[in-house]
């Protein structure tokens, strides 16, 4: 294993670059599959650091790929850089992009000395488009043995409870009519959406603690004096397992069907993206990352339950769950000082400045030490031994 002091020098070599990228993304937020400037800036800095980058990759305009080192095993780091509508980088993906950039360039400098290959995958649209699943479908994980993502949060959690998730659109079609003169000739699509809202609200009484349902009314057509003939809603459902997710989704979609039945409208249900799988944390990788993180000044709760399905302290969804179905993977969350929580504007504000710099440095240092530990089962080369004694 390399010494902490050596890892610190490698990380500090690229820390300013990482902070500049983080600030750029924070100031220029782009939503999923539209991260043109964000992806280009990351690729630019990778190439400036000596990396050979393929971009675009896998038929996705903002995805990219680069790999360094040699050895029989490969660890994949994932760069995320999409923002949220309206609230920008309120999930801290600007920090994730910087973490992955600094970590990769530091490991790139180690080259063959590390004894393990490191692949950096630029994965778009984590928030809404399951970019990682699209990459998986197109061969992006071929040759990968381990996968790692590190995410900012208000709390430090080694094994967040990452739920399975499905997202779909519900489109109602009614019949327009004059709302005063001939309302009986109309069929109100907005009423159908209202019934669905009420039915889902009542359904929540029977949901398990791991079930989640979120809806967004995307609008109605027409004017106040016209019976609405079109209403569109977006819905997201989450649960702890694929099977329970399918059961929950059917129950929720029945609520939408109830709205169509009550208002005598048509209903079209269409998936908005591939489903997100529940995470299967690799406990051996997690234990190794905990040890490396401790050396980097990150303390995960010692009493956190080591469960492959997560500790239950934080419940989220991410397409890293899909990755974990293909290769051993982890998704630790490292706290950043703030009273805000993810997806609040105040959390986006917290992901800047000196605390952002500290977060990037600690997480990148932990990742470099983690990769070194994974490669530790081979004898160190003379060059590596010399570097460690620097």
Protein backbone atom coordinates (compact mmCIF):
# COMPACT_ATOMS: atom_id res chain seq x y z
CA UNK A 1 0.00 0.00 0.00
CA UNK A 2 1.13 3.53 -0.63
CA UNK A 3 1.74 5.79 2.33
CA UNK A 4 -0.88 8.36 3.28
CA UNK A 5 1.61 11.17 2.73
CA UNK A 6 2.24 9.97 -0.83
CA UNK A 7 -1.48 9.74 -1.53
CA UNK A 8 -1.93 13.25 -0.14
CA UNK A 9 0.68 14.64 -2.52
CA UNK A 10 -0.98 12.93 -5.48
CA UNK A 11 -4.42 14.27 -4.52
CA UNK A 12 -3.17 17.78 -3.76
CA UNK A 13 -1.56 17.91 -7.20
CA UNK A 14 -5.04 17.99 -8.75
CA UNK A 15 -7.16 19.46 -5.97
CA UNK A 16 -7.27 22.99 -7.39
CA UNK A 17 -8.36 21.60 -10.76
CA UNK A 18 -11.09 19.58 -9.10
CA UNK A 19 -12.36 22.62 -7.20
CA UNK A 20 -12.43 24.68 -10.40
CA UNK A 21 -14.48 21.97 -12.13
CA UNK A 22 -16.82 21.78 -9.14
CA UNK A 23 -17.37 25.54 -9.20
CA UNK A 24 -17.91 25.53 -12.97
CA UNK A 25 -20.58 22.84 -12.75
CA UNK A 26 -22.22 24.57 -9.80
CA UNK A 27 -22.47 27.80 -11.78
CA UNK A 28 -23.56 26.04 -14.99
CA UNK A 29 -26.05 23.35 -13.94
CA UNK A 30 -27.34 21.08 -16.72
CA UNK A 31 -30.04 18.43 -16.43
CA UNK A 32 -29.79 14.79 -17.48
CA UNK A 33 -28.59 14.02 -21.03
CA UNK A 34 -28.03 17.76 -21.58
CA UNK A 35 -24.76 18.04 -19.60
CA UNK A 36 -22.82 19.21 -22.66
CA UNK A 37 -20.68 21.89 -21.01
CA UNK A 38 -20.20 19.87 -17.83
CA UNK A 39 -19.01 16.73 -19.61
CA UNK A 40 -16.76 18.70 -21.95
CA UNK A 41 -15.07 20.50 -19.03
CA UNK A 42 -14.36 17.24 -17.19
CA UNK A 43 -12.99 15.62 -20.35
CA UNK A 44 -10.83 18.68 -20.99
CA UNK A 45 -9.23 18.44 -17.56
CA UNK A 46 -8.72 14.69 -17.86
CA UNK A 47 -6.85 15.17 -21.12
CA UNK A 48 -4.83 18.02 -19.64
CA UNK A 49 -3.79 15.58 -16.91
CA UNK A 50 -2.52 13.09 -19.47
CA UNK A 51 -5.53 10.78 -19.73
CA UNK A 52 -6.66 9.32 -23.04
CA UNK A 53 -10.42 9.85 -23.12
CA UNK A 54 -13.08 8.46 -25.44
CA UNK A 55 -15.92 10.96 -25.70
CA UNK A 56 -18.74 10.64 -26.55
CA UNK A 57 -19.08 6.97 -25.68
CA UNK A 58 -21.78 4.23 -25.90
CA UNK A 59 -23.93 6.38 -28.17
CA UNK A 60 -24.56 8.84 -25.34
CA UNK A 61 -23.45 12.39 -26.23
CA UNK A 62 -22.29 13.32 -22.71
CA UNK A 63 -20.84 9.97 -21.60
CA UNK A 64 -17.08 9.37 -21.60
CA UNK A 65 -14.54 6.67 -20.77
CA UNK A 66 -10.90 6.53 -19.78
CA UNK A 67 -8.74 3.83 -18.21
CA UNK A 68 -5.29 3.72 -16.67
CA UNK A 69 -2.91 1.24 -15.07
CA UNK A 70 -2.43 -2.46 -15.64
CA UNK A 71 -3.25 -5.68 -13.84
CA UNK A 72 -5.75 -8.49 -13.82
CA UNK A 73 -8.40 -6.53 -11.90
CA UNK A 74 -10.26 -3.33 -12.75
CA UNK A 75 -12.04 -0.85 -10.50
CA UNK A 76 -14.55 1.56 -12.03
CA UNK A 77 -15.18 5.04 -10.65
CA UNK A 78 -18.32 6.83 -11.80
CA UNK A 79 -18.48 10.53 -12.56
CA UNK A 80 -21.91 12.09 -12.19
CA UNK A 81 -22.53 15.65 -13.36
CA UNK A 82 -26.26 16.16 -14.00
CA UNK A 83 -28.21 18.74 -12.03
CA UNK A 84 -31.86 19.02 -10.99
CA UNK A 85 -34.43 21.33 -12.61
CA UNK A 86 -34.86 24.64 -10.77
CA UNK A 87 -32.61 23.79 -7.78
CA UNK A 88 -29.38 23.14 -9.71
CA UNK A 89 -26.72 21.01 -8.03
CA UNK A 90 -28.82 20.43 -4.92
CA UNK A 91 -27.65 16.82 -4.81
CA UNK A 92 -23.98 17.77 -5.02
CA UNK A 93 -23.10 16.13 -8.33
CA UNK A 94 -20.62 18.94 -8.91
CA UNK A 95 -18.67 17.45 -6.00
CA UNK A 96 -19.02 13.93 -7.38
CA UNK A 97 -17.55 15.08 -10.69
CA UNK A 98 -14.64 16.70 -8.86
CA UNK A 99 -14.10 13.66 -6.61
CA UNK A 100 -13.92 11.32 -9.58
CA UNK A 101 -11.62 13.65 -11.53
CA UNK A 102 -9.12 14.17 -8.71
CA UNK A 103 -9.19 10.49 -7.70
CA UNK A 104 -8.65 9.29 -11.24
CA UNK A 105 -5.83 11.68 -12.10
CA UNK A 106 -4.05 10.83 -8.84
CA UNK A 107 -4.32 7.12 -9.63
CA UNK A 108 -3.34 7.80 -13.23
CA UNK A 109 -0.04 9.21 -11.95
CA UNK A 110 0.63 5.93 -10.16
CA UNK A 111 0.18 4.12 -13.46
CA UNK A 112 1.37 0.52 -13.56
CA UNK A 113 2.83 0.83 -10.06
CA UNK A 114 -0.61 0.43 -8.54
CA UNK A 115 -1.07 -3.05 -9.98
CA UNK A 116 -4.75 -2.55 -10.77
CA UNK A 117 -6.60 -0.95 -13.67
CA UNK A 118 -8.77 2.07 -12.92
CA UNK A 119 -11.62 3.00 -15.25
CA UNK A 120 -13.44 6.32 -15.04
CA UNK A 121 -16.94 6.27 -16.51
CA UNK A 122 -18.75 9.52 -17.19
CA UNK A 123 -22.38 8.57 -16.60
CA UNK A 124 -25.10 11.08 -17.50
CA UNK A 125 -28.63 11.45 -16.14
CA UNK A 126 -28.38 9.75 -12.75
CA UNK A 127 -31.27 11.81 -11.41
CA UNK A 128 -33.83 10.76 -13.97
CA UNK A 129 -32.54 8.78 -16.95
CA UNK A 130 -30.70 5.70 -15.60
CA UNK A 131 -27.58 6.56 -17.56
CA UNK A 132 -25.63 3.76 -15.90
CA UNK A 133 -28.14 1.16 -17.05
CA UNK A 134 -27.78 2.42 -20.61
CA UNK A 135 -24.01 2.12 -20.25
CA UNK A 136 -24.36 -1.40 -18.84
CA UNK A 137 -26.59 -2.40 -21.76
CA UNK A 138 -23.91 -1.19 -24.19
CA UNK A 139 -20.99 -3.03 -22.58
CA UNK A 140 -19.56 -0.34 -20.33
CA UNK A 141 -18.87 -2.72 -17.44
CA UNK A 142 -17.10 -5.39 -19.46
CA UNK A 143 -13.82 -6.21 -17.72
CA UNK A 144 -14.78 -4.35 -14.52
CA UNK A 145 -14.34 -6.21 -11.20
CA UNK A 146 -15.33 -3.53 -8.65
CA UNK A 147 -17.31 -0.28 -8.81
CA UNK A 148 -17.34 2.75 -6.50
CA UNK A 149 -19.38 5.92 -6.15
CA UNK A 150 -19.03 8.50 -3.35
CA UNK A 151 -21.88 10.95 -2.73
CA UNK A 152 -22.25 14.09 -0.57
CA UNK A 153 -24.98 14.16 2.07
CA UNK A 154 -25.77 15.87 5.38
CA UNK A 155 -24.62 12.72 7.21
CA UNK A 156 -21.81 10.21 6.73
CA UNK A 157 -23.23 6.77 5.96
CA UNK A 158 -21.23 3.81 4.67
CA UNK A 159 -24.20 1.73 3.49
CA UNK A 160 -27.19 3.89 2.59
CA UNK A 161 -30.45 2.07 1.98
CA UNK A 162 -30.79 2.41 -1.79
CA UNK A 163 -34.30 1.53 -2.90
CA UNK A 164 -35.52 0.10 -6.18
CA UNK A 165 -37.32 2.76 -8.20
CA UNK A 166 -39.61 3.05 -11.21
CA UNK A 167 -40.77 6.23 -12.94
CA UNK A 168 -43.64 6.66 -15.39
CA UNK A 169 -45.98 9.18 -16.99
CA UNK A 170 -49.77 9.10 -16.81
CA UNK A 171 -51.58 11.01 -19.58
CA UNK A 172 -55.34 11.57 -19.41
CA UNK A 173 -57.45 12.42 -22.44
CA UNK A 174 -60.90 13.92 -22.00
CA UNK A 175 -63.41 15.89 -24.05
CA UNK A 176 -63.42 19.69 -24.08
CA UNK A 177 -66.67 21.65 -23.66
CA UNK A 178 -67.94 25.04 -22.53
CA UNK A 179 -67.69 24.90 -18.73
CA UNK A 180 -70.90 26.94 -18.18
CA UNK A 181 -73.15 26.34 -21.17
CA UNK A 182 -72.55 22.64 -21.92
CA UNK A 183 -70.43 21.05 -19.16
CA UNK A 184 -72.29 17.73 -19.46
CA UNK A 185 -70.80 17.29 -22.91
CA UNK A 186 -67.29 17.35 -21.46
CA UNK A 187 -65.07 14.78 -19.81
CA UNK A 188 -62.62 16.47 -17.47
CA UNK A 189 -59.04 15.14 -17.61
CA UNK A 190 -58.11 17.38 -14.67
CA UNK A 191 -60.76 15.68 -12.55
CA UNK A 192 -59.22 12.30 -13.42
CA UNK A 193 -55.85 13.55 -12.17
CA UNK A 194 -57.48 14.82 -8.97
CA UNK A 195 -59.06 11.44 -8.29
CA UNK A 196 -55.67 9.78 -8.83
CA UNK A 197 -54.05 12.18 -6.34
CA UNK A 198 -56.69 11.40 -3.73
CA UNK A 199 -56.47 7.65 -4.29
CA UNK A 200 -52.68 7.70 -3.92
CA UNK A 201 -53.00 9.75 -0.74
CA UNK A 202 -55.33 7.15 0.73
CA UNK A 203 -53.08 4.31 -0.45
CA UNK A 204 -50.20 5.73 1.60
CA UNK A 205 -51.95 4.50 4.75
CA UNK A 206 -51.12 0.94 3.71
CA UNK A 207 -47.56 1.44 2.48
CA UNK A 208 -44.59 -0.16 4.23
CA UNK A 209 -41.87 2.05 5.76
CA UNK A 210 -39.63 1.42 2.72
CA UNK A 211 -42.27 2.35 0.13
CA UNK A 212 -42.30 5.80 -1.42
CA UNK A 213 -44.64 7.45 -3.96
CA UNK A 214 -44.03 10.88 -5.50
CA UNK A 215 -46.15 12.68 -8.09
CA UNK A 216 -45.73 15.79 -10.20
CA UNK A 217 -48.65 17.37 -12.04
CA UNK A 218 -47.12 18.50 -15.31
CA UNK A 219 -50.07 20.62 -16.40
CA UNK A 220 -53.46 20.78 -18.05
CA UNK A 221 -54.51 22.21 -21.40
CA UNK A 222 -57.20 24.82 -22.02
CA UNK A 223 -58.65 27.73 -20.06
CA UNK A 224 -60.68 28.05 -16.88
CA UNK A 225 -63.95 28.24 -18.80
CA UNK A 226 -63.16 25.15 -20.89
CA UNK A 227 -63.53 21.59 -19.62
CA UNK A 228 -59.95 20.28 -19.56
CA UNK A 229 -59.34 17.59 -22.17
CA UNK A 230 -55.72 16.79 -21.29
CA UNK A 231 -53.77 16.30 -18.04
CA UNK A 232 -50.33 14.76 -17.57
CA UNK A 233 -48.74 13.52 -14.36
CA UNK A 234 -45.35 12.04 -13.61
CA UNK A 235 -45.02 9.43 -10.89
CA UNK A 236 -42.10 7.79 -9.13
CA UNK A 237 -42.45 4.73 -6.90
CA UNK A 238 -39.76 3.17 -4.70
CA UNK A 239 -39.51 0.03 -2.63
CA UNK A 240 -36.86 -2.13 -0.96
CA UNK A 241 -36.93 -4.99 -3.51
CA UNK A 242 -37.72 -5.49 -7.18
CA UNK A 243 -40.73 -7.69 -6.38
CA UNK A 244 -42.24 -5.29 -3.87
CA UNK A 245 -41.58 -2.44 -6.32
CA UNK A 246 -43.60 -4.23 -9.01
CA UNK A 247 -46.46 -4.79 -6.58
CA UNK A 248 -46.42 -1.16 -5.43
CA UNK A 249 -46.28 0.12 -9.00
CA UNK A 250 -49.36 -1.91 -9.93
CA UNK A 251 -51.30 -0.56 -6.94
CA UNK A 252 -50.32 3.03 -7.76
CA UNK A 253 -51.18 2.62 -11.42
CA UNK A 254 -54.58 1.31 -10.31
CA UNK A 255 -55.07 4.70 -8.64
CA UNK A 256 -54.51 6.35 -12.00
CA UNK A 257 -56.91 3.89 -13.62
CA UNK A 258 -59.49 4.81 -10.97
CA UNK A 259 -59.22 8.44 -12.03
CA UNK A 260 -59.86 7.54 -15.66
CA UNK A 261 -62.81 5.35 -14.70
CA UNK A 262 -64.40 8.00 -12.48
CA UNK A 263 -64.01 10.84 -14.99
CA UNK A 264 -64.65 8.69 -18.08
CA UNK A 265 -61.38 9.70 -19.73
CA UNK A 266 -58.71 7.76 -21.53
CA UNK A 267 -55.42 6.94 -19.80
CA UNK A 268 -51.99 6.18 -21.20
CA UNK A 269 -49.24 4.87 -18.88
CA UNK A 270 -45.66 4.93 -20.17
CA UNK A 271 -42.34 4.25 -18.44
CA UNK A 272 -40.12 7.33 -18.36
CA UNK A 273 -36.76 5.53 -17.91
CA UNK A 274 -35.32 2.11 -17.10
CA UNK A 275 -36.02 0.96 -13.54
CA UNK A 276 -33.39 1.51 -10.84
CA UNK A 277 -32.40 -1.62 -8.93
CA UNK A 278 -32.08 -1.83 -5.17
CA UNK A 279 -28.43 -1.60 -4.13
CA UNK A 280 -26.46 -4.66 -3.10
CA UNK A 281 -23.48 -3.25 -1.21
CA UNK A 282 -20.41 -5.47 -1.29
CA UNK A 283 -19.52 -5.75 2.40
CA UNK A 284 -15.88 -6.65 1.78
CA UNK A 285 -15.38 -3.56 -0.38
CA UNK A 286 -17.26 -1.49 2.20
CA UNK A 287 -14.98 -2.66 5.01
CA UNK A 288 -11.93 -1.82 2.92
CA UNK A 289 -13.28 1.63 2.11
CA UNK A 290 -14.04 2.26 5.79
CA UNK A 291 -10.40 1.58 6.67
CA UNK A 292 -9.09 3.79 3.86
CA UNK A 293 -11.54 6.56 4.75
CA UNK A 294 -10.40 6.51 8.37
CA UNK A 295 -6.87 7.30 7.18
CA UNK A 296 -8.30 10.16 5.13
CA UNK A 297 -10.09 11.66 8.15
CA UNK A 298 -13.57 10.32 7.34
CA UNK A 299 -15.28 8.46 10.18
CA UNK A 300 -18.23 6.27 9.31
CA UNK A 301 -20.49 5.34 12.26
CA UNK A 302 -18.97 2.38 14.06
CA UNK A 303 -22.40 1.09 15.07
CA UNK A 304 -23.75 1.10 11.51
CA UNK A 305 -25.15 -2.32 10.63
CA UNK A 306 -23.16 -4.07 7.90
CA UNK A 307 -26.01 -5.17 5.68
CA UNK A 308 -25.81 -5.77 1.92
CA UNK A 309 -29.19 -4.09 1.53
CA UNK A 310 -28.07 -1.00 3.41
CA UNK A 311 -28.14 0.27 6.97
CA UNK A 312 -31.49 2.03 6.65
CA UNK A 313 -30.07 5.34 7.96
CA UNK A 314 -30.61 7.05 4.58
CA UNK A 315 -33.13 6.02 1.90
CA UNK A 316 -32.44 7.08 -1.68
CA UNK A 317 -32.47 5.62 -5.19
CA UNK A 318 -29.65 5.66 -7.74
CA UNK A 319 -28.68 3.74 -10.85
CA UNK A 320 -25.61 2.53 -8.92
CA UNK A 321 -28.10 -0.08 -7.73
CA UNK A 322 -28.12 -1.39 -11.30
CA UNK A 323 -24.31 -1.46 -11.31
CA UNK A 324 -24.30 -3.49 -8.08
CA UNK A 325 -26.34 -6.18 -9.84
CA UNK A 326 -23.47 -6.63 -12.32
CA UNK A 327 -20.28 -6.24 -10.25
CA UNK A 328 -19.40 -5.85 -6.54
CA UNK A 329 -20.08 -2.21 -5.73
CA UNK A 330 -20.38 0.36 -2.96
CA UNK A 331 -21.98 3.80 -2.67
CA UNK A 332 -20.86 5.48 0.58
CA UNK A 333 -22.21 8.91 1.45
CA UNK A 334 -19.83 11.39 3.06
CA UNK A 335 -21.22 14.29 5.07
CA UNK A 336 -20.70 17.95 4.28
CA UNK A 337 -21.39 20.54 7.03
CA UNK A 338 -24.93 21.86 6.52
CA UNK A 339 -28.33 21.86 8.17
CA UNK A 340 -29.91 21.43 4.73
CA UNK A 341 -30.68 18.12 3.04
CA UNK A 342 -30.25 16.87 -0.51
CA UNK A 343 -32.51 18.44 -3.15
CA UNK A 344 -32.79 21.74 -1.27
CA UNK A 345 -31.27 24.92 -2.69
CA UNK A 346 -29.44 25.39 0.60
CA UNK A 347 -27.71 22.04 0.04
CA UNK A 348 -26.48 23.27 -3.34
CA UNK A 349 -25.08 26.33 -1.56
CA UNK A 350 -23.29 24.06 0.92
CA UNK A 351 -21.51 22.25 -1.92
CA UNK A 352 -19.24 25.23 -2.61
CA UNK A 353 -16.36 27.05 -0.94
CA UNK A 354 -13.86 25.72 1.56
CA UNK A 355 -16.11 22.94 2.83
CA UNK A 356 -16.50 21.68 -0.74
CA UNK A 357 -12.72 21.72 -1.14
CA UNK A 358 -12.32 19.75 2.09
CA UNK A 359 -14.94 17.23 0.94
CA UNK A 360 -13.23 16.70 -2.42
CA UNK A 361 -9.82 16.29 -0.82
CA UNK A 362 -10.93 13.79 1.84
CA UNK A 363 -13.03 11.65 -0.48
CA UNK A 364 -10.36 11.57 -3.20
CA UNK A 365 -7.71 10.67 -0.64
CA UNK A 366 -9.91 7.87 0.70
CA UNK A 367 -10.44 6.58 -2.83
CA UNK A 368 -6.73 6.54 -3.68
CA UNK A 369 -5.97 4.68 -0.46
CA UNK A 370 -8.88 2.33 -1.13
CA UNK A 371 -7.57 1.47 -4.60
CA UNK A 372 -4.13 0.91 -3.12
CA UNK A 373 -5.57 -1.54 -0.60
CA UNK A 374 -7.34 -3.46 -3.34
CA UNK A 375 -4.03 -3.83 -5.15
CA UNK A 376 -2.17 -4.82 -2.00
CA UNK A 377 -2.28 -8.55 -2.66
CA UNK A 378 0.58 -8.27 -5.16
CA UNK A 379 4.24 -7.55 -4.27
CA UNK A 380 5.14 -3.91 -4.53
CA UNK A 381 7.42 -2.98 -7.39
CA UNK A 382 10.79 -1.37 -6.56
CA UNK A 383 9.49 1.90 -8.02
CA UNK A 384 6.39 1.76 -5.82
CA UNK A 385 8.51 1.04 -2.75
CA UNK A 386 10.70 4.03 -3.58
CA UNK A 387 7.62 6.27 -3.99
CA UNK A 388 6.25 5.08 -0.65
CA UNK A 389 9.46 6.11 1.09
CA UNK A 390 9.40 9.62 -0.37
